[in-house]
Amino acid sequence: MKRIFLFVLTNIAVVVVLGIVASLLGVNRYLTANGLNLGALLGYALVMGFGGAIISLLISKPMAKWSSGVRVIEQPQNADEAWIVDTVRKFADKAGIGMPEVGIFEGDPNAFATGAFRDSALVAVSTGLLYNMTREEVEAVIGHEVAHIANGDMVTMTLIQGVMNTFVVFLSRVIGYAVDSFLRRNDEENSGPGIGYMVTTIVLDIVLGFAAAIIVAWFSRQREFRADAGAAQLMGRKQPMINALARLGGLHTAELPKSVAAMGIAGGIGQLFSTHPPIEERIAALQNS
């Protein structure tokens, strides 16, 4: 709950800073003169930017269960399931977080963690992970996911996405009004936003949205390095995590649903929009740590 409170507080702070900067630069006077209320725009940017992000965070766990077909282990049905639950509990206790729900889903090797609160999250592993990796390697992957939870990565990524969304909404509409005002500067019957505003806003929503996605993906890749290091710390040595990464590099990993892809153990390789760094870089970072 503390993280959610800080999340909301940060959101409000971002909007306040945007308002102050706009006032200092005289943007508010310009917008008012052209029929746009700065306060209303900031409120709209807050709702559209952070509203969607916070809702996605709050429903992340049930959506992950539904979209990935996760079966939560209420009572272990075999030795493997009992071992997975015990491993998650061991790492959760060591990391100082509440016991997450533990689940299994059908598919190629992968795993993920999700949830709005670090004391009631979800850790899920695929059947392909269990069948294609050693116990020690699976343990390292579980440690990686528990480290995500302990680091508060779900809230952090939601916060960053919300900040980016707010800037995209705010900037695209301010620039849209500026372009529209320029195109209609001789129009004495100006009665609100015209085609210039609508076209500019749509184009900038797309262009700035791509730029924001690149920034969010970069933060996600840095977070993966931290989770790898966290797994090594939870296990007391880094070789199991290195072995697990090397194994994943040679396997066809499952493509997770978009809602949980950033929290998976494996992702795209070497792309600006990739949420995960290349396996080789992750292994090198662990070896050099």
Protein backbone atom coordinates (compact mmCIF):
# COMPACT_ATOMS: atom_id res chain seq x y z
CA MET A 1 0.00 0.00 0.00
CA LYS A 2 2.92 2.34 0.71
CA ARG A 3 4.16 1.92 -2.85
CA ILE A 4 0.72 2.67 -4.27
CA PHE A 5 0.54 5.83 -2.13
CA LEU A 6 3.95 6.93 -3.40
CA PHE A 7 2.81 6.09 -6.93
CA VAL A 8 -0.23 8.39 -6.62
CA LEU A 9 1.86 11.10 -4.96
CA THR A 10 4.43 10.96 -7.77
CA ASN A 11 1.69 11.19 -10.38
CA ILE A 12 0.31 14.33 -8.80
CA ALA A 13 3.81 15.80 -8.48
CA VAL A 14 4.45 15.26 -12.21
CA VAL A 15 1.26 17.10 -13.13
CA VAL A 16 2.09 19.95 -10.73
CA VAL A 17 5.56 20.27 -12.24
CA LEU A 18 4.08 20.34 -15.74
CA GLY A 19 1.73 23.12 -14.64
CA ILE A 20 4.54 25.15 -13.05
CA VAL A 21 6.81 24.81 -16.09
CA ALA A 22 3.96 25.78 -18.41
CA SER A 23 3.27 28.86 -16.29
CA LEU A 24 6.93 29.91 -16.14
CA LEU A 25 7.28 29.57 -19.91
CA GLY A 26 4.07 31.49 -20.54
CA VAL A 27 2.44 28.49 -22.19
CA ASN A 28 -0.63 28.85 -19.98
CA ARG A 29 -1.27 32.40 -21.23
CA TYR A 30 -0.88 31.26 -24.82
CA LEU A 31 -3.23 28.33 -24.31
CA THR A 32 -5.82 30.47 -22.55
CA ALA A 33 -5.68 33.04 -25.34
CA ASN A 34 -6.43 30.26 -27.82
CA GLY A 35 -9.31 28.79 -25.90
CA LEU A 36 -7.57 25.97 -24.01
CA ASN A 37 -7.76 25.66 -20.24
CA LEU A 38 -4.39 24.53 -18.83
CA GLY A 39 -5.91 23.11 -15.65
CA ALA A 40 -8.41 21.06 -17.62
CA LEU A 41 -5.66 19.77 -19.92
CA LEU A 42 -3.48 18.75 -16.98
CA GLY A 43 -6.42 16.96 -15.40
CA TYR A 44 -7.15 15.18 -18.66
CA ALA A 45 -3.49 14.18 -19.05
CA LEU A 46 -3.48 12.85 -15.47
CA VAL A 47 -6.58 10.74 -15.97
CA MET A 48 -5.58 9.43 -19.40
CA GLY A 49 -1.92 8.93 -18.55
CA PHE A 50 -1.96 7.56 -15.03
CA GLY A 51 -5.54 6.33 -14.94
CA GLY A 52 -4.95 3.62 -17.50
CA ALA A 53 -1.59 2.67 -15.97
CA ILE A 54 -2.95 2.30 -12.43
CA ILE A 55 -5.97 0.30 -13.61
CA SER A 56 -3.65 -2.03 -15.54
CA LEU A 57 -1.55 -2.49 -12.39
CA LEU A 58 -4.54 -3.23 -10.16
CA ILE A 59 -5.97 -5.86 -12.52
CA SER A 60 -2.58 -7.28 -13.54
CA LYS A 61 -2.82 -10.45 -11.46
CA PRO A 62 -6.28 -11.65 -12.55
CA MET A 63 -5.52 -10.66 -16.15
CA ALA A 64 -2.25 -12.63 -16.05
CA LYS A 65 -4.05 -15.71 -14.74
CA TRP A 66 -6.69 -15.48 -17.44
CA SER A 67 -4.48 -14.58 -20.41
CA SER A 68 -1.77 -17.16 -19.62
CA GLY A 69 -4.06 -19.92 -18.42
CA VAL A 70 -2.36 -20.03 -15.01
CA ARG A 71 -3.50 -22.72 -12.61
CA VAL A 72 -2.85 -21.53 -9.07
CA ILE A 73 -1.43 -24.26 -6.83
CA GLU A 74 -3.84 -24.33 -3.89
CA GLN A 75 -2.79 -27.81 -2.79
CA PRO A 76 0.29 -29.36 -4.48
CA GLN A 77 -0.74 -32.38 -6.52
CA ASN A 78 2.73 -33.87 -6.94
CA ALA A 79 6.33 -33.56 -5.78
CA ASP A 80 7.21 -30.95 -8.42
CA GLU A 81 4.41 -28.63 -7.39
CA ALA A 82 5.31 -29.03 -3.70
CA TRP A 83 8.92 -28.17 -4.52
CA ILE A 84 7.93 -25.06 -6.50
CA VAL A 85 5.75 -23.77 -3.65
CA ASP A 86 8.48 -24.46 -1.08
CA THR A 87 11.08 -22.70 -3.25
CA VAL A 88 8.91 -19.60 -3.67
CA ARG A 89 8.22 -19.56 0.08
CA LYS A 90 11.93 -19.87 0.87
CA PHE A 91 12.87 -16.96 -1.40
CA ALA A 92 9.92 -14.83 -0.29
CA ASP A 93 10.95 -15.21 3.35
CA LYS A 94 14.55 -14.38 2.48
CA ALA A 95 13.50 -11.32 0.45
CA GLY A 96 11.18 -10.11 3.22
CA ILE A 97 7.95 -10.15 1.19
CA GLY A 98 4.60 -11.83 1.72
CA MET A 99 4.11 -15.29 0.25
CA PRO A 100 3.01 -14.85 -3.40
CA GLU A 101 0.44 -17.03 -5.07
CA VAL A 102 2.17 -19.76 -7.06
CA GLY A 103 0.93 -21.02 -10.39
CA ILE A 104 1.75 -23.17 -13.41
CA PHE A 105 0.83 -22.58 -17.04
CA GLU A 106 1.22 -24.71 -20.16
CA GLY A 107 3.79 -23.60 -22.72
CA ASP A 108 7.41 -23.23 -23.72
CA PRO A 109 10.01 -22.25 -21.08
CA ASN A 110 9.19 -18.99 -19.33
CA ALA A 111 8.08 -17.57 -16.00
CA PHE A 112 6.73 -14.28 -14.72
CA ALA A 113 5.75 -12.35 -11.62
CA THR A 114 2.97 -9.80 -11.40
CA GLY A 115 0.62 -8.07 -8.98
CA ALA A 116 0.00 -4.59 -7.61
CA PHE A 117 1.26 -5.33 -4.09
CA ARG A 118 4.57 -6.91 -3.11
CA ASP A 119 2.94 -8.90 -0.30
CA SER A 120 0.22 -10.46 -2.49
CA ALA A 121 1.84 -11.00 -5.87
CA LEU A 122 1.85 -13.99 -8.23
CA VAL A 123 4.77 -16.12 -9.42
CA ALA A 124 4.02 -18.46 -12.32
CA VAL A 125 6.27 -20.92 -14.15
CA SER A 126 5.59 -22.81 -17.37
CA THR A 127 5.55 -26.54 -17.80
CA GLY A 128 8.23 -26.12 -20.46
CA LEU A 129 10.52 -24.53 -17.90
CA LEU A 130 10.14 -27.50 -15.57
CA TYR A 131 10.70 -30.07 -18.33
CA ASN A 132 13.71 -28.41 -19.99
CA MET A 133 15.79 -27.10 -17.07
CA THR A 134 17.47 -28.60 -14.04
CA ARG A 135 16.07 -28.04 -10.57
CA GLU A 136 18.89 -25.59 -9.79
CA GLU A 137 18.20 -23.60 -12.96
CA VAL A 138 14.45 -23.46 -12.25
CA GLU A 139 15.27 -22.34 -8.71
CA ALA A 140 17.35 -19.47 -10.14
CA VAL A 141 14.48 -18.44 -12.41
CA ILE A 142 12.09 -18.44 -9.46
CA GLY A 143 14.60 -16.33 -7.53
CA HIS A 144 14.66 -13.89 -10.45
CA GLU A 145 10.88 -13.50 -10.31
CA VAL A 146 10.83 -13.09 -6.53
CA ALA A 147 13.52 -10.42 -6.91
CA HIS A 148 11.19 -8.56 -9.30
CA ILE A 149 8.55 -8.53 -6.58
CA ALA A 150 10.97 -7.52 -3.83
CA ASN A 151 12.30 -4.67 -5.99
CA GLY A 152 8.78 -3.37 -6.58
CA ASP A 153 9.28 -3.63 -10.34
CA MET A 154 5.58 -3.88 -11.17
CA VAL A 155 4.84 -0.53 -9.51
CA THR A 156 8.02 1.05 -10.89
CA MET A 157 7.22 0.09 -14.47
CA THR A 158 3.63 1.28 -14.07
CA LEU A 159 4.89 4.61 -12.72
CA ILE A 160 7.29 5.09 -15.63
CA GLN A 161 4.60 4.14 -18.14
CA GLY A 162 2.18 6.56 -16.48
CA VAL A 163 4.69 9.42 -16.59
CA MET A 164 5.38 8.77 -20.27
CA ASN A 165 1.66 8.59 -21.05
CA THR A 166 1.02 11.90 -19.31
CA PHE A 167 3.78 13.67 -21.22
CA VAL A 168 2.52 12.22 -24.51
CA VAL A 169 -1.07 13.36 -23.86
CA PHE A 170 -0.02 16.81 -22.63
CA LEU A 171 2.61 17.60 -25.28
CA SER A 172 0.61 16.31 -28.24
CA ARG A 173 -2.35 18.52 -27.34
CA VAL A 174 -0.30 21.62 -26.57
CA ILE A 175 1.55 21.30 -29.87
CA GLY A 176 -1.72 20.47 -31.61
CA TYR A 177 -3.24 23.73 -30.38
CA ALA A 178 -0.15 25.64 -31.47
CA VAL A 179 -0.27 24.18 -34.99
CA ASP A 180 -4.02 24.72 -35.25
CA SER A 181 -3.70 28.32 -34.09
CA PHE A 182 -1.00 28.99 -36.70
CA LEU A 183 -3.06 27.47 -39.51
CA ARG A 184 -6.16 29.43 -38.46
CA ARG A 185 -4.50 32.71 -37.52
CA ASN A 186 -6.58 34.67 -40.07
CA ASP A 187 -9.79 32.87 -39.28
CA GLU A 188 -12.00 35.34 -37.44
CA GLU A 189 -14.66 32.70 -36.87
CA ASN A 190 -12.35 30.44 -34.89
CA SER A 191 -14.72 28.51 -32.63
CA GLY A 192 -12.54 25.73 -31.24
CA PRO A 193 -10.05 23.12 -32.36
CA GLY A 194 -9.91 22.53 -36.09
CA ILE A 195 -8.50 19.90 -38.41
CA GLY A 196 -4.92 21.04 -37.68
CA TYR A 197 -5.37 20.21 -34.01
CA MET A 198 -6.94 16.83 -34.65
CA VAL A 199 -4.36 15.68 -37.22
CA THR A 200 -1.39 16.96 -35.22
CA THR A 201 -2.64 15.35 -32.02
CA ILE A 202 -3.19 11.97 -33.68
CA VAL A 203 0.23 12.02 -35.35
CA LEU A 204 2.04 13.11 -32.18
CA ASP A 205 0.19 10.56 -30.05
CA ILE A 206 1.68 7.90 -32.34
CA VAL A 207 5.17 9.40 -32.72
CA LEU A 208 5.58 10.35 -29.06
CA GLY A 209 4.02 7.04 -28.05
CA PHE A 210 6.77 5.18 -29.91
CA ALA A 211 9.42 7.37 -28.25
CA ALA A 212 7.84 6.72 -24.84
CA ALA A 213 7.80 2.96 -25.52
CA ILE A 214 11.55 3.05 -26.23
CA ILE A 215 12.20 4.81 -22.91
CA VAL A 216 9.98 2.38 -20.97
CA ALA A 217 11.70 -0.59 -22.62
CA TRP A 218 15.11 0.80 -21.65
CA PHE A 219 14.06 1.02 -18.00
CA SER A 220 12.68 -2.51 -18.24
CA ARG A 221 16.02 -3.84 -19.49
CA GLN A 222 17.87 -2.22 -16.57
CA ARG A 223 15.39 -3.82 -14.19
CA GLU A 224 16.20 -7.25 -15.63
CA PHE A 225 19.87 -6.87 -14.68
CA ARG A 226 18.78 -6.06 -11.11
CA ALA A 227 16.51 -9.11 -10.95
CA ASP A 228 19.31 -11.37 -12.20
CA ALA A 229 21.59 -10.01 -9.48
CA GLY A 230 18.76 -10.41 -6.97
CA ALA A 231 18.38 -14.09 -7.89
CA ALA A 232 22.11 -14.63 -7.41
CA GLN A 233 21.89 -12.97 -3.99
CA LEU A 234 18.89 -15.06 -2.93
CA MET A 235 20.68 -18.26 -3.95
CA GLY A 236 23.98 -17.21 -2.39
CA ARG A 237 25.91 -17.61 -5.64
CA LYS A 238 25.55 -16.47 -9.23
CA GLN A 239 26.43 -19.58 -11.24
CA PRO A 240 22.89 -21.09 -11.16
CA MET A 241 21.45 -17.88 -12.65
CA ILE A 242 24.18 -17.83 -15.28
CA ASN A 243 23.43 -21.46 -16.14
CA ALA A 244 19.69 -20.72 -16.32
CA LEU A 245 20.25 -17.80 -18.69
CA ALA A 246 22.58 -19.87 -20.87
CA ARG A 247 19.94 -22.61 -21.02
CA LEU A 248 17.21 -20.12 -21.95
CA GLY A 249 19.46 -18.77 -24.70
CA GLY A 250 19.37 -22.16 -26.39
CA LEU A 251 15.65 -22.79 -26.00
CA HIS A 252 12.55 -21.52 -27.77
CA THR A 253 10.91 -19.48 -25.02
CA ALA A 254 7.20 -18.83 -24.71
CA GLU A 255 5.78 -15.53 -25.90
CA LEU A 256 3.89 -14.17 -22.92
CA PRO A 257 0.76 -12.02 -23.18
CA LYS A 258 1.55 -8.31 -23.50
CA SER A 259 0.21 -7.60 -20.00
CA VAL A 260 2.96 -9.68 -18.36
CA ALA A 261 5.67 -9.82 -21.05
CA ALA A 262 7.86 -7.28 -19.26
CA MET A 263 7.87 -9.45 -16.12
CA GLY A 264 8.91 -12.67 -17.86
CA ILE A 265 12.31 -14.30 -17.54
CA ALA A 266 12.89 -14.19 -21.31
CA GLY A 267 12.06 -11.61 -23.97
CA GLY A 268 13.09 -10.19 -27.32
CA ILE A 269 16.76 -9.84 -28.15
CA GLY A 270 18.62 -6.65 -29.04
CA GLN A 271 15.73 -4.41 -30.04
CA LEU A 272 14.88 -0.86 -28.99
CA PHE A 273 11.43 -2.01 -27.93
CA SER A 274 12.62 -5.16 -26.17
CA THR A 275 11.78 -5.40 -22.47
CA HIS A 276 14.74 -7.76 -21.90
CA PRO A 277 18.45 -7.33 -22.69
CA PRO A 278 20.24 -9.93 -24.84
CA ILE A 279 21.04 -13.10 -22.89
CA GLU A 280 24.76 -12.58 -23.55
CA GLU A 281 24.69 -9.15 -21.89
CA ARG A 282 22.86 -10.50 -18.86
CA ILE A 283 25.35 -13.32 -18.42
CA ALA A 284 28.31 -10.92 -18.81
CA ALA A 285 26.80 -8.55 -16.22
CA LEU A 286 26.49 -11.38 -13.72
CA GLN A 287 29.98 -12.67 -14.38
CA ASN A 288 31.46 -9.21 -13.88
CA SER A 289 29.46 -8.40 -10.74
